[in-house]
Structure formats: C-alpha cells, structure tokens
Amino acid sequence: MNNDGKMDLVVAGGRNLAVLPGNGDGTFQSPILFNLVSSNSADAADSLALGDFNKDGKVGAVVSVAGTVQIAFGNGNGTFQSPAKVFSTGLEAQGAGNVEAGDLDGDGNLDIVLIACCHTDEDHTFGGSLLAWFGDGHGNFPVKNTIASGLADMQLKVFDINRDGKLDIVNTRRACMDSCAYGVETWLGHGSRTFTYYTAGVSSQSGFTIRTGVTFGDFDRDGILDLATGAGDIIPDGFLMFRRLPNNTIADPIFRSVQSSEGLSDTEIISADFNGDKKPDVALTYSPNNEVIVMMNTTTPPGQCSAGPLYSIHLCSPGGGSIAFSPVPVSARVNSDRTITGWKVYVDGIAKGSGAGANVDASITLATSSQRRITVKAWDASGGEFSSSVVISVR
C-alpha cells in the first residue's frame, strides 16, 4: 500500500478503513484510519476488495456500505484520497452485501461484482440481485448489468475457476422460505459480459448448513478446480467438498469431518498448500471457542497413487471410514509385474463396475444412509488375483 516492498494489511470495519503497514517480518505498525462516507451511525462496511481502479499505479479499496459501493483511491503512501467516491446500488431496501473486483470483460479495466441483498426476515431470504459493474479505467462504472435477480443471500469471489483465462464468479448461497437450502454456484465468464450458470446444493433437511464463503482448489488431484465450504452446526463438524466435473457441472457434496467432540459453528474457510506437498489443504475458523483447524489433503490422483507392495491394490478413494455422497468415486492402482487383464469394483459383494489396465476409475451410485463395503479386485496375465476393501458410510 505504501510502495516499500513489504506486504501490508487493509481492514474494513464499522465506517472505517484501516491500513496496517507491514514491517516485513510478520509484524505491523499502528493502523492508519480512513473514514467512509455515511450519515448513519449504524452503517458498517460489509466487504472489502483492493485494486487500481483509476489506473494510476496505486492500490485503492472498494467497499460495500449499506446501499452503496464506495471506492477510496490510494495515494501510494498507505493513505486514501478523501472522501471516498460513492455509488448507489439504486435498489430500494437492498444493501450491497458483498463486492469483489476483477477485469471481467478483459478490457484492462477493473470491474466489480456485487450482490444487492435481500428481503429478509426470520424465515425468508430472497429477492437479491447479482450485479456486474464494468469499469472505464477512471474509477467510474458506466455499464451496469444485472446478471441474475430473485436470488438468495450470497458470498462472492471472483476467480478463473475453469482456467480458460476469463474471470468467473464463485459463491455460496443461502435461500430461505420457511426452510432453508444451501449451495455453491459458479457463473462462468465468457469475456463478453455474459455468464453460464452451474450449481449444486444441500437442503436443511440434510443436517448441513453453509455459513462460510467458498474456497477452491484441485482437492481430488484430477486437474480440475473444486469448491469447498464449511458445513455449519453439526456433530461431527467438518466441511463440504463439491467436485467440479469436466463438463463444468458441480457434483453433490462430500462431507469431511474434522472429528470434533463438541458442536462448533464454522465461520470461514480457505485453501492453501500448508505443508508444501503440492496438495491444497483446508483451514477453517470455528466459534464459539475461536479455533483454527487445518485439514491436510491426503488425496492421491486417480491412476497415479502409490502402488504399495508388489501384487497388491492400493485403493486411493474412497478412504476407509469416510463419509461420502452417492455417486461414490472409486479409484485404485493395481501393482503387478505382469499385464493386468481386468478389474472389477464390488459393493457388498455385488459387481458394480469393470475395466482393464492398472488404473481403476469408476463412479458407483449407492443407496444413501447406509454403510457399504467397497472392494476392488484385479487379475493379471498369470492368473493372479488381488483385492482391497474399505467400509464407508453413504449419505
């Protein structure tokens, strides 16, 4: 923020922005405060994104405050130009609940995406709008498009989730009308200010809620970025993995437990390679006891998992004792010094899939709410037979 080559922190809270200049050693100096524009003492910043919105080479900030979007242009010394530039959403009785920045149309100017949300009371959350405002490189947004309306409460991120060089919108959603439904959504950008929509979700009857935002990573090591969210108030606590498939659709979630012994409420989730093994891990914050829980990724890519001892099958997924949603992805590696002539996947002793080659890759549809035994058997050219089994719970 002040061009000294050291990373700083920028925080939005209440009616203020705060810049904490970094010392370059993990410590930070006292905050430099900046007042946002508001005449109502109850107004508070809902979200924050950074970027050079007027292309002057200095980092500015965009925040959502009540029914406005405000841009504070940076001075390049850790302070902002005052006052902030204020844009109204123009939507009556709706606040700008989340705003993110990125060049959505590829013209070199930063754009913003926001959710203007919602009509809400104890049992209802609906009527929000997903908006894309396209920047002109001078800190203005002359083109304002409504991507979709009649939406639920959403938490947004902007990222190239399908790796096509064009920014997409990724979000969690919470829709309530007497009961609630939760899910994740992707709006895949075409670089032409248009988007294609995909979603997957869970209902409140499933026992899961989604209270966090969404994070992403290639969690199953298949070369496609997947999504993850917190799983809400349940025991055991954990998170939901949403696999993205090659056709850009999103599979139903798989629950992963953090093995907590008490009821916690997850508040945020993020993914990064925390242990340097080139696999995306997950970290979650939890209330009310202020825990941070890190879950290390032990996934091995289908067809590339460690083979184990000679004349064996290494079952990569599912893992023994895991909880999975149907259909269950099954992958394994057959290790033999002879040609594998065939393999089969069994569920409770009944064949459900077959193929040839050393890499087993199948998707098995199973009845939910039950424990099932998954067995993989293989045969090599010498007539040798190998097998491996796990017991899983299917939701």
Protein backbone atom coordinates (compact mmCIF):
# COMPACT_ATOMS: atom_id res chain seq x y z
CA MET A 1 0.00 0.00 0.00
CA ASN A 2 2.94 2.39 0.57
CA ASN A 3 5.33 1.03 -2.11
CA ASP A 4 8.07 -0.04 0.31
CA GLY A 5 8.12 -3.65 -0.93
CA LYS A 6 6.59 -5.02 2.30
CA MET A 7 3.13 -6.54 2.47
CA ASP A 8 0.55 -4.54 4.42
CA LEU A 9 -2.89 -5.31 5.85
CA VAL A 10 -6.07 -3.46 4.91
CA VAL A 11 -9.14 -3.95 7.10
CA ALA A 12 -12.71 -2.66 6.76
CA GLY A 13 -14.92 -2.40 9.82
CA GLY A 14 -17.68 -0.12 11.01
CA ARG A 15 -17.44 3.10 8.98
CA ASN A 16 -13.68 2.93 8.59
CA LEU A 17 -10.82 1.54 6.57
CA ALA A 18 -7.56 0.78 8.33
CA VAL A 19 -4.12 0.26 6.75
CA LEU A 20 -1.58 -1.54 8.92
CA PRO A 21 1.85 -1.02 7.27
CA GLY A 22 3.96 -4.17 7.34
CA ASN A 23 7.47 -4.31 8.75
CA GLY A 24 8.43 -7.24 6.52
CA ASP A 25 8.95 -9.62 9.45
CA GLY A 26 5.34 -10.60 10.14
CA THR A 27 4.65 -7.63 12.41
CA PHE A 28 2.69 -4.50 11.59
CA GLN A 29 2.66 -0.85 12.55
CA SER A 30 -0.23 1.06 14.11
CA PRO A 31 -3.24 1.40 11.80
CA ILE A 32 -3.80 4.44 9.60
CA LEU A 33 -7.56 5.14 9.64
CA PHE A 34 -9.77 6.41 6.84
CA ASN A 35 -13.44 7.38 7.27
CA LEU A 36 -16.00 6.01 4.86
CA VAL A 37 -18.94 8.15 3.74
CA SER A 38 -22.01 7.59 5.92
CA SER A 39 -24.62 9.70 7.70
CA ASN A 40 -25.99 6.76 9.68
CA SER A 41 -24.08 5.62 12.75
CA ALA A 42 -25.48 2.12 12.29
CA ASP A 43 -23.95 1.68 8.84
CA ALA A 44 -20.96 -0.65 8.58
CA ALA A 45 -18.72 -1.96 5.83
CA ASP A 46 -19.82 -5.40 4.63
CA SER A 47 -16.91 -6.33 2.38
CA LEU A 48 -13.58 -5.12 1.02
CA ALA A 49 -11.60 -5.62 -2.18
CA LEU A 50 -8.39 -3.98 -3.38
CA GLY A 51 -7.27 -2.84 -6.81
CA ASP A 52 -6.10 0.01 -9.01
CA PHE A 53 -9.49 1.29 -10.17
CA ASN A 54 -8.26 4.51 -11.83
CA LYS A 55 -5.04 3.04 -13.34
CA ASP A 56 -2.69 5.45 -11.58
CA GLY A 57 -0.40 2.67 -10.32
CA LYS A 58 -1.64 2.96 -6.71
CA VAL A 59 -3.73 0.43 -4.85
CA GLY A 60 -7.21 1.59 -3.86
CA ALA A 61 -10.07 -0.05 -2.00
CA VAL A 62 -13.68 -0.76 -2.85
CA VAL A 63 -16.12 -1.44 -0.01
CA SER A 64 -19.86 -2.04 0.32
CA VAL A 65 -21.60 0.08 2.96
CA ALA A 66 -25.37 -0.24 3.40
CA GLY A 67 -26.89 0.51 -0.03
CA THR A 68 -23.71 1.97 -1.53
CA VAL A 69 -20.45 0.93 -3.11
CA GLN A 70 -17.54 3.21 -2.23
CA ILE A 71 -14.11 3.49 -3.82
CA ALA A 72 -11.22 5.05 -1.92
CA PHE A 73 -8.39 5.79 -4.35
CA GLY A 74 -4.94 5.13 -2.91
CA ASN A 75 -2.28 7.80 -2.52
CA GLY A 76 0.56 5.29 -2.68
CA ASN A 77 1.72 6.07 0.89
CA GLY A 78 -0.73 3.95 2.89
CA THR A 79 -3.48 6.58 2.87
CA PHE A 80 -6.54 7.15 0.69
CA GLN A 81 -7.95 10.15 -1.10
CA SER A 82 -10.80 11.71 0.88
CA PRO A 83 -13.71 11.47 0.58
CA ALA A 84 -14.40 8.09 -0.98
CA LYS A 85 -16.29 8.03 -4.25
CA VAL A 86 -19.85 6.81 -3.58
CA PHE A 87 -22.08 4.84 -5.95
CA SER A 88 -25.64 3.91 -5.03
CA THR A 89 -26.90 0.44 -5.95
CA GLY A 90 -30.21 2.06 -6.93
CA LEU A 91 -32.11 -0.86 -5.46
CA GLU A 92 -34.66 0.13 -2.88
CA ALA A 93 -34.40 -1.53 0.54
CA GLN A 94 -31.41 -3.61 -0.55
CA GLY A 95 -27.85 -3.28 0.66
CA ALA A 96 -24.67 -4.13 -1.22
CA GLY A 97 -23.85 -7.18 0.86
CA ASN A 98 -20.67 -8.28 -0.90
CA VAL A 99 -18.43 -6.70 -3.54
CA GLU A 100 -15.43 -8.16 -5.37
CA ALA A 101 -13.15 -6.75 -8.06
CA GLY A 102 -11.63 -8.12 -11.28
CA ASP A 103 -11.36 -7.50 -15.01
CA LEU A 104 -14.42 -9.47 -16.09
CA ASP A 105 -14.50 -8.45 -19.75
CA GLY A 106 -10.76 -8.42 -20.48
CA ASP A 107 -10.52 -4.73 -21.45
CA GLY A 108 -7.77 -3.97 -18.93
CA ASN A 109 -10.04 -2.02 -16.57
CA LEU A 110 -11.12 -3.29 -13.17
CA ASP A 111 -14.80 -4.18 -12.85
CA ILE A 112 -16.78 -5.06 -9.73
CA VAL A 113 -19.33 -7.74 -8.92
CA LEU A 114 -21.79 -7.26 -6.08
CA ILE A 115 -24.81 -8.90 -4.56
CA ALA A 116 -27.55 -6.46 -3.60
CA CYS A 117 -29.40 -8.47 -0.98
CA CYS A 118 -32.06 -9.11 0.24
CA HIS A 119 -35.60 -9.06 1.51
CA THR A 120 -35.05 -10.99 4.72
CA ASP A 121 -36.76 -11.85 7.97
CA GLU A 122 -36.76 -14.80 10.35
CA ASP A 123 -37.91 -17.37 7.78
CA HIS A 124 -37.26 -15.72 4.42
CA THR A 125 -34.18 -14.69 2.47
CA PHE A 126 -34.84 -13.89 -1.17
CA GLY A 127 -35.05 -11.16 -3.77
CA GLY A 128 -31.37 -10.33 -4.16
CA SER A 129 -29.65 -9.29 -7.39
CA LEU A 130 -26.23 -10.26 -8.74
CA LEU A 131 -24.74 -7.23 -10.48
CA ALA A 132 -21.68 -6.66 -12.66
CA TRP A 133 -20.44 -3.06 -12.99
CA PHE A 134 -17.89 -2.57 -15.75
CA GLY A 135 -15.15 -0.01 -15.13
CA ASP A 136 -13.79 2.63 -17.54
CA GLY A 137 -10.30 2.84 -16.01
CA HIS A 138 -11.07 6.20 -14.37
CA GLY A 139 -12.90 4.89 -11.33
CA ASN A 140 -16.35 5.04 -12.93
CA PHE A 141 -18.75 2.26 -13.92
CA PRO A 142 -20.79 3.44 -16.90
CA VAL A 143 -22.17 -0.01 -17.74
CA LYS A 144 -24.15 -1.81 -15.03
CA ASN A 145 -25.54 -5.23 -15.88
CA THR A 146 -27.84 -7.44 -13.81
CA ILE A 147 -26.56 -10.99 -14.15
CA ALA A 148 -29.48 -12.51 -12.25
CA SER A 149 -32.26 -11.42 -9.91
CA GLY A 150 -34.54 -13.04 -7.34
CA LEU A 151 -31.50 -14.57 -5.65
CA ALA A 152 -30.69 -15.63 -2.12
CA ASP A 153 -28.03 -14.35 0.25
CA MET A 154 -24.61 -14.92 -1.34
CA GLN A 155 -20.91 -14.62 -0.53
CA LEU A 156 -18.87 -13.91 -3.65
CA LYS A 157 -15.39 -14.48 -5.00
CA VAL A 158 -14.00 -13.62 -8.44
CA PHE A 159 -11.57 -16.14 -9.91
CA ASP A 160 -10.84 -18.04 -13.13
CA ILE A 161 -12.27 -21.29 -11.77
CA ASN A 162 -12.26 -23.14 -15.12
CA ARG A 163 -8.81 -21.88 -16.15
CA ASP A 164 -9.83 -20.50 -19.54
CA GLY A 165 -8.20 -17.11 -19.00
CA LYS A 166 -11.54 -15.38 -18.26
CA LEU A 167 -12.71 -14.42 -14.78
CA ASP A 168 -15.67 -16.23 -13.25
CA ILE A 169 -17.90 -15.61 -10.23
CA VAL A 170 -18.00 -18.22 -7.46
CA ASN A 171 -20.29 -18.03 -4.44
CA THR A 172 -22.14 -19.78 -1.65
CA ARG A 173 -25.87 -19.19 -1.28
CA ARG A 174 -28.50 -19.39 1.45
CA ALA A 175 -32.13 -19.36 0.32
CA CYS A 176 -34.86 -19.44 2.95
CA MET A 177 -38.63 -19.67 2.53
CA ASP A 178 -39.91 -21.27 5.75
CA SER A 179 -37.00 -23.72 5.41
CA CYS A 180 -33.53 -23.10 4.01
CA ALA A 181 -31.48 -24.55 1.17
CA TYR A 182 -27.76 -24.04 0.80
CA GLY A 183 -25.31 -24.48 -2.02
CA VAL A 184 -22.48 -23.28 -4.21
CA GLU A 185 -22.74 -21.57 -7.58
CA THR A 186 -20.44 -20.73 -10.45
CA TRP A 187 -21.08 -18.10 -13.11
CA LEU A 188 -18.53 -18.87 -15.80
CA GLY A 189 -17.46 -15.74 -17.67
CA HIS A 190 -17.08 -15.66 -21.44
CA GLY A 191 -15.11 -12.39 -21.54
CA SER A 192 -18.11 -10.80 -23.31
CA ARG A 193 -20.00 -9.66 -20.20
CA THR A 194 -22.10 -12.84 -20.30
CA PHE A 195 -22.02 -15.85 -17.97
CA THR A 196 -23.08 -19.50 -17.83
CA TYR A 197 -24.53 -20.77 -14.54
CA TYR A 198 -23.92 -24.04 -12.65
CA THR A 199 -24.93 -25.01 -9.12
CA ALA A 200 -25.12 -27.81 -6.56
CA GLY A 201 -26.53 -27.72 -3.05
CA VAL A 202 -27.91 -29.30 0.11
CA SER A 203 -31.21 -28.81 1.89
CA SER A 204 -31.62 -28.00 5.57
CA GLN A 205 -33.22 -31.44 5.99
CA SER A 206 -29.82 -32.99 5.21
CA GLY A 207 -28.50 -31.68 8.53
CA PHE A 208 -25.97 -29.41 6.82
CA THR A 209 -25.90 -25.65 6.65
CA ILE A 210 -23.39 -23.45 4.85
CA ARG A 211 -22.31 -20.44 6.90
CA THR A 212 -18.94 -19.72 5.30
CA GLY A 213 -17.82 -18.34 1.99
CA VAL A 214 -16.38 -20.64 -0.64
CA THR A 215 -12.79 -21.65 -1.31
CA PHE A 216 -11.32 -23.61 -4.20
CA GLY A 217 -8.51 -25.98 -5.10
CA ASP A 218 -7.86 -29.19 -7.02
CA PHE A 219 -8.71 -31.27 -3.97
CA ASP A 220 -9.09 -34.61 -5.76
CA ARG A 221 -5.99 -34.05 -7.97
CA ASP A 222 -7.85 -34.60 -11.25
CA GLY A 223 -6.69 -31.34 -12.83
CA ILE A 224 -10.00 -29.51 -12.27
CA LEU A 225 -10.50 -26.89 -9.56
CA ASP A 226 -13.11 -27.92 -7.00
CA LEU A 227 -15.05 -25.97 -4.35
CA ALA A 228 -15.29 -26.30 -0.56
CA THR A 229 -17.44 -24.68 2.13
CA GLY A 230 -17.96 -25.05 5.85
CA ALA A 231 -20.74 -27.43 6.89
CA GLY A 232 -22.40 -25.38 9.66
CA ASP A 233 -23.65 -26.59 13.05
CA ILE A 234 -23.35 -30.37 13.11
CA ILE A 235 -21.54 -33.08 15.05
CA PRO A 236 -19.12 -34.25 13.84
CA ASP A 237 -18.16 -30.86 12.45
CA GLY A 238 -16.44 -30.50 9.14
CA PHE A 239 -16.71 -29.16 5.63
CA LEU A 240 -18.33 -29.96 2.29
CA MET A 241 -16.34 -30.75 -0.85
CA PHE A 242 -18.02 -30.01 -4.18
CA ARG A 243 -16.20 -31.69 -7.07
CA ARG A 244 -16.32 -29.84 -10.37
CA LEU A 245 -16.59 -32.17 -13.34
CA PRO A 246 -15.02 -31.91 -16.83
CA ASN A 247 -18.27 -30.52 -18.30
CA ASN A 248 -18.23 -27.69 -15.68
CA THR A 249 -21.17 -29.10 -13.72
CA ILE A 250 -20.81 -29.46 -9.94
CA ALA A 251 -21.26 -32.82 -8.19
CA ASP A 252 -23.23 -33.25 -4.99
CA PRO A 253 -21.12 -32.54 -1.90
CA ILE A 254 -18.95 -34.98 0.01
CA PHE A 255 -18.76 -34.37 3.77
CA ARG A 256 -15.38 -34.43 5.50
CA SER A 257 -15.31 -34.48 9.29
CA VAL A 258 -12.80 -32.65 11.48
CA GLN A 259 -13.60 -35.12 14.28
CA SER A 260 -14.64 -32.51 16.82
CA SER A 261 -16.18 -33.72 20.08
CA GLU A 262 -18.37 -30.65 20.53
CA GLY A 263 -20.78 -28.60 18.48
CA LEU A 264 -18.92 -25.81 16.69
CA SER A 265 -20.07 -23.29 14.13
CA ASP A 266 -17.62 -22.77 11.27
CA THR A 267 -17.21 -19.14 10.29
CA GLU A 268 -14.79 -19.09 7.36
CA ILE A 269 -12.77 -21.41 5.16
CA ILE A 270 -9.69 -21.04 2.96
CA SER A 271 -7.46 -23.37 0.97
CA ALA A 272 -3.67 -23.34 0.57
CA ASP A 273 -0.77 -25.80 0.48
CA PHE A 274 0.16 -25.51 4.15
CA ASN A 275 2.67 -28.38 4.31
CA GLY A 276 4.40 -27.92 0.95
CA ASP A 277 3.39 -31.25 -0.59
CA LYS A 278 1.77 -29.64 -3.67
CA LYS A 279 -1.75 -30.58 -2.50
CA PRO A 280 -4.39 -27.99 -1.50
CA ASP A 281 -5.25 -28.22 2.19
CA VAL A 282 -8.15 -26.59 4.05
CA ALA A 283 -8.23 -24.30 7.09
CA LEU A 284 -11.43 -23.40 8.95
CA THR A 285 -12.15 -20.97 11.75
CA TYR A 286 -14.67 -22.03 14.36
CA SER A 287 -16.74 -20.32 17.02
CA PRO A 288 -17.55 -20.05 19.87
CA ASN A 289 -14.14 -21.23 21.13
CA ASN A 290 -12.08 -19.44 18.44
CA GLU A 291 -10.34 -22.47 17.00
CA VAL A 292 -8.46 -22.65 13.73
CA ILE A 293 -8.47 -26.19 12.31
CA VAL A 294 -6.22 -27.23 9.44
CA MET A 295 -7.05 -30.39 7.46
CA MET A 296 -4.19 -31.80 5.38
CA ASN A 297 -5.03 -33.23 1.97
CA THR A 298 -4.12 -36.91 1.68
CA THR A 299 -5.67 -37.42 -1.78
CA THR A 300 -3.66 -39.28 -4.37
CA PRO A 301 -4.57 -38.65 -8.03
CA PRO A 302 -6.61 -41.37 -9.76
CA GLY A 303 -4.27 -43.68 -11.63
CA GLN A 304 -1.16 -42.14 -10.07
CA CYS A 305 -1.46 -43.25 -6.45
CA SER A 306 1.44 -45.05 -4.81
CA ALA A 307 1.36 -48.66 -5.81
CA GLY A 308 2.30 -50.19 -2.47
CA PRO A 309 3.79 -53.70 -2.28
CA LEU A 310 4.07 -55.80 -5.42
CA TYR A 311 0.99 -57.90 -6.18
CA SER A 312 -1.43 -55.52 -4.44
CA ILE A 313 -4.15 -52.95 -4.99
CA HIS A 314 -3.81 -49.52 -3.44
CA LEU A 315 -7.35 -48.11 -3.04
CA CYS A 316 -6.98 -44.34 -3.44
CA SER A 317 -10.63 -43.42 -2.89
CA PRO A 318 -12.85 -43.77 -1.04
CA GLY A 319 -10.87 -43.90 2.19
CA GLY A 320 -11.79 -46.39 4.89
CA GLY A 321 -14.28 -44.97 7.39
CA SER A 322 -15.07 -41.95 5.22
CA ILE A 323 -18.48 -40.37 4.70
CA ALA A 324 -19.44 -39.90 1.03
CA PHE A 325 -22.40 -38.81 -1.08
CA SER A 326 -23.68 -41.04 -3.86
CA PRO A 327 -22.37 -41.50 -6.52
CA VAL A 328 -19.08 -42.51 -4.92
CA PRO A 329 -15.90 -42.04 -6.99
CA VAL A 330 -13.65 -45.10 -6.80
CA SER A 331 -10.02 -45.03 -7.89
CA ALA A 332 -7.23 -47.52 -7.32
CA ARG A 333 -3.82 -48.56 -8.57
CA VAL A 334 -3.03 -52.20 -9.29
CA ASN A 335 0.61 -53.13 -8.71
CA SER A 336 1.85 -56.20 -10.55
CA ASP A 337 4.86 -57.05 -12.68
CA ARG A 338 2.53 -58.66 -15.24
CA THR A 339 -0.13 -57.14 -17.52
CA ILE A 340 -3.43 -56.51 -15.77
CA THR A 341 -6.13 -58.23 -17.79
CA GLY A 342 -9.11 -56.86 -15.87
CA TRP A 343 -10.55 -55.40 -12.69
CA LYS A 344 -13.96 -55.14 -11.02
CA VAL A 345 -15.47 -52.95 -8.32
CA TYR A 346 -17.85 -54.66 -5.88
CA VAL A 347 -20.33 -53.17 -3.42
CA ASP A 348 -21.17 -55.63 -0.63
CA GLY A 349 -20.05 -58.46 -2.92
CA ILE A 350 -22.04 -57.38 -5.99
CA ALA A 351 -20.10 -56.27 -9.08
CA LYS A 352 -20.86 -52.64 -9.97
CA GLY A 353 -18.10 -51.73 -12.44
CA SER A 354 -15.32 -53.27 -14.51
CA GLY A 355 -12.43 -52.40 -16.80
CA ALA A 356 -8.86 -53.17 -17.80
CA GLY A 357 -5.48 -51.66 -17.03
CA ALA A 358 -3.58 -50.80 -13.89
CA ASN A 359 -5.69 -47.70 -13.10
CA VAL A 360 -9.17 -48.20 -11.66
CA ASP A 361 -11.57 -45.29 -12.13
CA ALA A 362 -15.31 -45.75 -11.56
CA SER A 363 -18.36 -43.90 -10.24
CA ILE A 364 -20.77 -46.04 -8.23
CA THR A 365 -24.34 -44.97 -7.45
CA LEU A 366 -25.38 -46.22 -4.00
CA ALA A 367 -28.41 -46.03 -1.76
CA THR A 368 -27.93 -43.42 0.94
CA SER A 369 -27.96 -43.64 4.74
CA SER A 370 -26.08 -46.92 4.97
CA GLN A 371 -22.67 -48.48 5.48
CA ARG A 372 -21.21 -50.18 2.40
CA ARG A 373 -18.13 -52.25 1.69
CA ILE A 374 -16.26 -51.24 -1.46
CA THR A 375 -13.94 -53.91 -2.89
CA VAL A 376 -11.64 -53.69 -5.89
CA LYS A 377 -10.37 -56.92 -7.44
CA ALA A 378 -7.88 -57.28 -10.30
CA TRP A 379 -6.38 -60.09 -12.37
CA ASP A 380 -3.04 -60.22 -14.17
CA ALA A 381 -1.86 -62.28 -17.13
CA SER A 382 -0.55 -65.03 -14.88
CA GLY A 383 -3.97 -65.57 -13.34
CA GLY A 384 -3.01 -63.89 -10.08
CA GLU A 385 -5.85 -62.14 -8.24
CA PHE A 386 -5.51 -59.15 -5.92
CA SER A 387 -8.13 -57.26 -3.89
CA SER A 388 -8.54 -54.42 -1.43
CA SER A 389 -11.62 -53.33 0.58
CA VAL A 390 -12.84 -50.40 2.67
CA VAL A 391 -16.05 -49.73 4.59
CA ILE A 392 -17.65 -46.31 4.13
CA SER A 393 -20.83 -44.53 5.17
CA VAL A 394 -23.01 -43.18 2.36
CA ARG A 395 -25.26 -40.14 2.82
